[in-house]
Each structure stands twice: as structure tokens, then as C-alpha cells.
Amino acid sequence: MPLPAPATLALALLMALINPHLAEASQPQPVVPAYQIAALEDWLDLNSPWPRKQARPQIRLVSQDQANALTGRAGRFGVTPRAFYDPAKSVIALISPFDPHDPYDLSVVLHELVHHRQHGAAHWYCAGAQEKSAYELQSQWLAERGLPDRINWMAVILEAGCTPRDIHPD
């Protein structure tokens, strides 16, 4: 038989007093801790030509299948995306698995924060035109940590070129 409401409340308060971390554990944890986002934004303030936006984007973790459904496409040029930015909703979707302690995964967050800053700050001939500068900043951030970038620069250049796809000669 369930306890009456006042007894349930009293039990919850008693448990919180005994172990205050129980209440914290029930709160969902952010995908990327706020201090890491702040550090990435601070780095971009010093290294990016685009200003920080007042509102931070929402950051969500999604599966590869969810990402394909949301973007309407899988990776291009044999590259599987690790994240994407939805400017209409101001949402960064990180594709699982994601480890906030892995510098490569954090560099993906930095890359998407660049897109957040780029949105509305300049004219782009196509969405892909934003990629080269975002990858250059990501590469610089990794290099400052002594890490190679592992970026497929040929795919980046092709994406940033805004050329039509699937061109065949007559």
C-alpha cells in the first residue's frame, strides 16, 4: 500500500538529508558540462572572427539513425558525421557515442559551436561553405593540444566548394 502524501514527502526529505547527492543524481546531467562549453567559447572568443552569441545552443545526444532521419542524409564523401548543428532550432546534435573527456569529441563540439556563431553572421553561398573555417578552427584547437586533426581535408574542400553534386559529362 502506498504511503500517504505527507509521509512520502517526509521520507523524501529524510533521504535528502541523509544523502544530499540523491537529489542531484535524479537530475539529468548535461551531455557536455557547462565548464567545458565555457572553455570552448572562451577559446573561440580569442581565435574566431565570429562573436559569441548571448544564447547558448541546446546540446543533445542522438543515435546515428536519429541523425540520418533529422538531416535527411547519411555522411557524404565516405565520411560519417559526428555531429550537426540545426540553426533553426539552435541545437547541436552530437552523435553517440560521445565522451566529454575525449579531446577529439570535444573538438567536434567546438566545430559545432563555430557553426552556431556563423549562423546569421555572414552570407554563405551554401551550408557547406561554412565547413572549411570550422574545420580550420577545430584543427588549430587540436594542434594546440598536441593532437593530429584526423580531418579529411579533401572532403572538406569538396563540401565547401558549393559545387553541384553528381556532375557527369555528356
Protein backbone atom coordinates (compact mmCIF):
# COMPACT_ATOMS: atom_id res chain seq x y z
CA MET A 1 0.00 0.00 0.00
CA PRO A 2 1.48 3.41 -0.95
CA LEU A 3 2.32 5.82 1.82
CA PRO A 4 0.08 8.86 2.24
CA ALA A 5 1.41 12.03 0.59
CA PRO A 6 2.74 13.68 3.80
CA ALA A 7 4.60 10.50 4.75
CA THR A 8 6.07 10.21 1.25
CA LEU A 9 7.26 13.83 1.41
CA ALA A 10 8.75 13.30 4.86
CA LEU A 11 10.59 10.19 3.65
CA ALA A 12 11.97 12.08 0.63
CA LEU A 13 13.18 14.93 2.86
CA LEU A 14 14.78 12.47 5.27
CA MET A 15 16.57 10.71 2.40
CA ALA A 16 17.80 14.06 1.05
CA LEU A 17 19.19 14.96 4.48
CA ILE A 18 20.90 11.61 4.82
CA ASN A 19 22.35 11.69 1.30
CA PRO A 20 22.02 15.09 -0.44
CA HIS A 21 23.57 13.65 -3.61
CA LEU A 22 20.46 11.53 -4.22
CA ALA A 23 18.50 14.60 -5.28
CA GLU A 24 21.33 15.63 -7.64
CA ALA A 25 21.52 12.15 -9.15
CA SER A 26 17.90 12.33 -10.21
CA GLN A 27 18.57 15.46 -12.30
CA PRO A 28 19.62 14.75 -15.89
CA GLN A 29 23.27 15.55 -16.47
CA PRO A 30 24.20 17.74 -19.45
CA VAL A 31 25.84 15.98 -22.40
CA VAL A 32 28.75 18.42 -22.14
CA PRO A 33 29.44 20.04 -18.76
CA ALA A 34 28.95 23.82 -18.65
CA TYR A 35 32.59 24.46 -17.70
CA GLN A 36 33.74 22.71 -20.91
CA ILE A 37 31.36 24.73 -23.07
CA ALA A 38 32.59 27.91 -21.36
CA ALA A 39 36.22 26.95 -22.05
CA LEU A 40 35.47 26.24 -25.71
CA GLU A 41 33.58 29.52 -26.07
CA ASP A 42 36.47 31.40 -24.42
CA TRP A 43 38.91 29.80 -26.87
CA LEU A 44 36.66 30.77 -29.80
CA ASP A 45 36.49 34.35 -28.46
CA LEU A 46 40.26 34.53 -28.94
CA ASN A 47 40.55 32.60 -32.20
CA SER A 48 37.33 33.03 -34.19
CA PRO A 49 36.24 36.05 -36.24
CA TRP A 50 32.60 35.50 -35.23
CA PRO A 51 31.32 36.84 -31.92
CA ARG A 52 29.85 34.74 -29.15
CA LYS A 53 26.07 34.65 -29.14
CA GLN A 54 24.19 35.53 -25.97
CA ALA A 55 22.14 32.34 -26.01
CA ARG A 56 23.97 29.03 -25.92
CA PRO A 57 22.69 26.30 -28.21
CA GLN A 58 21.00 23.26 -26.74
CA ILE A 59 23.21 20.19 -26.93
CA ARG A 60 21.64 16.76 -27.39
CA LEU A 61 22.96 13.25 -27.83
CA VAL A 62 21.38 11.31 -30.71
CA SER A 63 21.95 7.95 -32.39
CA GLN A 64 23.31 7.68 -35.93
CA ASP A 65 19.85 6.60 -37.14
CA GLN A 66 18.23 9.62 -35.46
CA ALA A 67 20.82 11.92 -37.05
CA ASN A 68 20.17 10.45 -40.50
CA ALA A 69 16.43 10.96 -40.02
CA LEU A 70 16.88 14.53 -38.77
CA THR A 71 19.26 15.59 -41.53
CA GLY A 72 17.69 13.54 -44.30
CA ARG A 73 21.05 12.09 -45.33
CA ALA A 74 23.93 9.96 -44.17
CA GLY A 75 27.55 11.05 -44.41
CA ARG A 76 28.98 12.35 -47.69
CA PHE A 77 32.28 11.54 -49.36
CA GLY A 78 32.63 8.41 -47.23
CA VAL A 79 32.69 10.49 -44.04
CA THR A 80 30.35 9.67 -41.17
CA PRO A 81 29.38 12.87 -39.36
CA ARG A 82 29.97 13.09 -35.61
CA ALA A 83 27.50 15.95 -35.05
CA PHE A 84 25.41 18.58 -36.76
CA TYR A 85 24.04 22.00 -35.96
CA ASP A 86 20.39 22.89 -36.59
CA PRO A 87 20.34 26.71 -36.93
CA ALA A 88 16.54 26.89 -37.00
CA LYS A 89 16.33 25.34 -33.52
CA SER A 90 19.76 26.37 -32.23
CA VAL A 91 20.53 22.74 -31.41
CA ILE A 92 23.81 20.86 -31.59
CA ALA A 93 23.17 17.15 -32.01
CA LEU A 94 26.14 15.01 -31.01
CA ILE A 95 26.04 11.52 -32.46
CA SER A 96 26.51 8.70 -29.98
CA PRO A 97 28.91 7.50 -28.74
CA PHE A 98 30.23 10.73 -27.24
CA ASP A 99 32.74 11.14 -24.41
CA PRO A 100 33.06 14.66 -22.94
CA HIS A 101 36.55 13.74 -21.67
CA ASP A 102 37.85 12.80 -25.13
CA PRO A 103 39.57 15.82 -26.77
CA TYR A 104 38.52 14.64 -30.23
CA ASP A 105 34.87 14.55 -29.16
CA LEU A 106 35.24 18.00 -27.57
CA SER A 107 36.75 19.28 -30.80
CA VAL A 108 33.52 18.23 -32.52
CA VAL A 109 31.57 20.37 -30.02
CA LEU A 110 33.93 23.27 -30.79
CA HIS A 111 33.31 22.76 -34.52
CA GLU A 112 29.53 22.94 -34.00
CA LEU A 113 29.89 26.00 -31.74
CA VAL A 114 31.63 27.67 -34.69
CA HIS A 115 28.54 26.96 -36.82
CA HIS A 116 26.37 28.42 -34.05
CA ARG A 117 28.44 31.62 -34.24
CA GLN A 118 28.48 31.63 -38.04
CA HIS A 119 24.69 31.46 -38.34
CA GLY A 120 23.41 34.89 -39.30
CA ALA A 121 26.86 36.48 -39.01
CA ALA A 122 27.69 36.33 -42.71
CA HIS A 123 26.33 35.31 -46.09
CA TRP A 124 27.20 31.76 -47.18
CA TYR A 125 26.65 30.58 -50.75
CA CYS A 126 25.76 27.16 -49.39
CA ALA A 127 25.78 25.48 -45.98
CA GLY A 128 29.00 23.67 -46.90
CA ALA A 129 30.84 26.97 -47.35
CA GLN A 130 30.99 27.27 -43.56
CA GLU A 131 32.84 23.99 -43.16
CA LYS A 132 36.38 25.00 -44.12
CA SER A 133 36.70 27.67 -41.44
CA ALA A 134 35.03 25.48 -38.83
CA TYR A 135 37.44 22.63 -39.56
CA GLU A 136 40.41 25.01 -39.58
CA LEU A 137 39.49 26.18 -36.07
CA GLN A 138 38.94 22.60 -34.94
CA SER A 139 42.35 21.62 -36.33
CA GLN A 140 44.02 24.59 -34.60
CA TRP A 141 42.39 23.67 -31.26
CA LEU A 142 43.62 20.07 -31.55
CA ALA A 143 47.12 21.19 -32.62
CA GLU A 144 47.39 23.36 -29.51
CA ARG A 145 46.86 20.17 -27.52
CA GLY A 146 49.50 18.28 -29.50
CA LEU A 147 46.94 16.16 -31.36
CA PRO A 148 46.69 15.49 -35.11
CA ASP A 149 43.39 16.58 -36.59
CA ARG A 150 42.33 13.38 -38.46
CA ILE A 151 40.27 15.58 -40.81
CA ASN A 152 39.63 14.51 -44.39
CA TRP A 153 40.64 17.80 -45.98
CA MET A 154 39.72 16.66 -49.49
CA ALA A 155 36.13 16.07 -48.33
CA VAL A 156 36.11 19.45 -46.56
CA ILE A 157 37.26 21.27 -49.72
CA LEU A 158 34.67 19.47 -51.84
CA GLU A 159 31.90 20.31 -49.36
CA ALA A 160 32.99 23.93 -49.02
CA GLY A 161 33.14 24.43 -52.78
CA CYS A 162 29.34 24.70 -53.15
CA THR A 163 29.54 22.88 -56.48
CA PRO A 164 26.60 20.81 -57.70
CA ARG A 165 26.88 17.12 -56.92
CA ASP A 166 26.76 14.20 -59.30
CA ILE A 167 28.11 16.04 -62.36
CA HIS A 168 28.58 13.75 -65.35
CA PRO A 169 29.99 14.68 -68.77
CA ASP A 170 27.67 14.30 -71.77
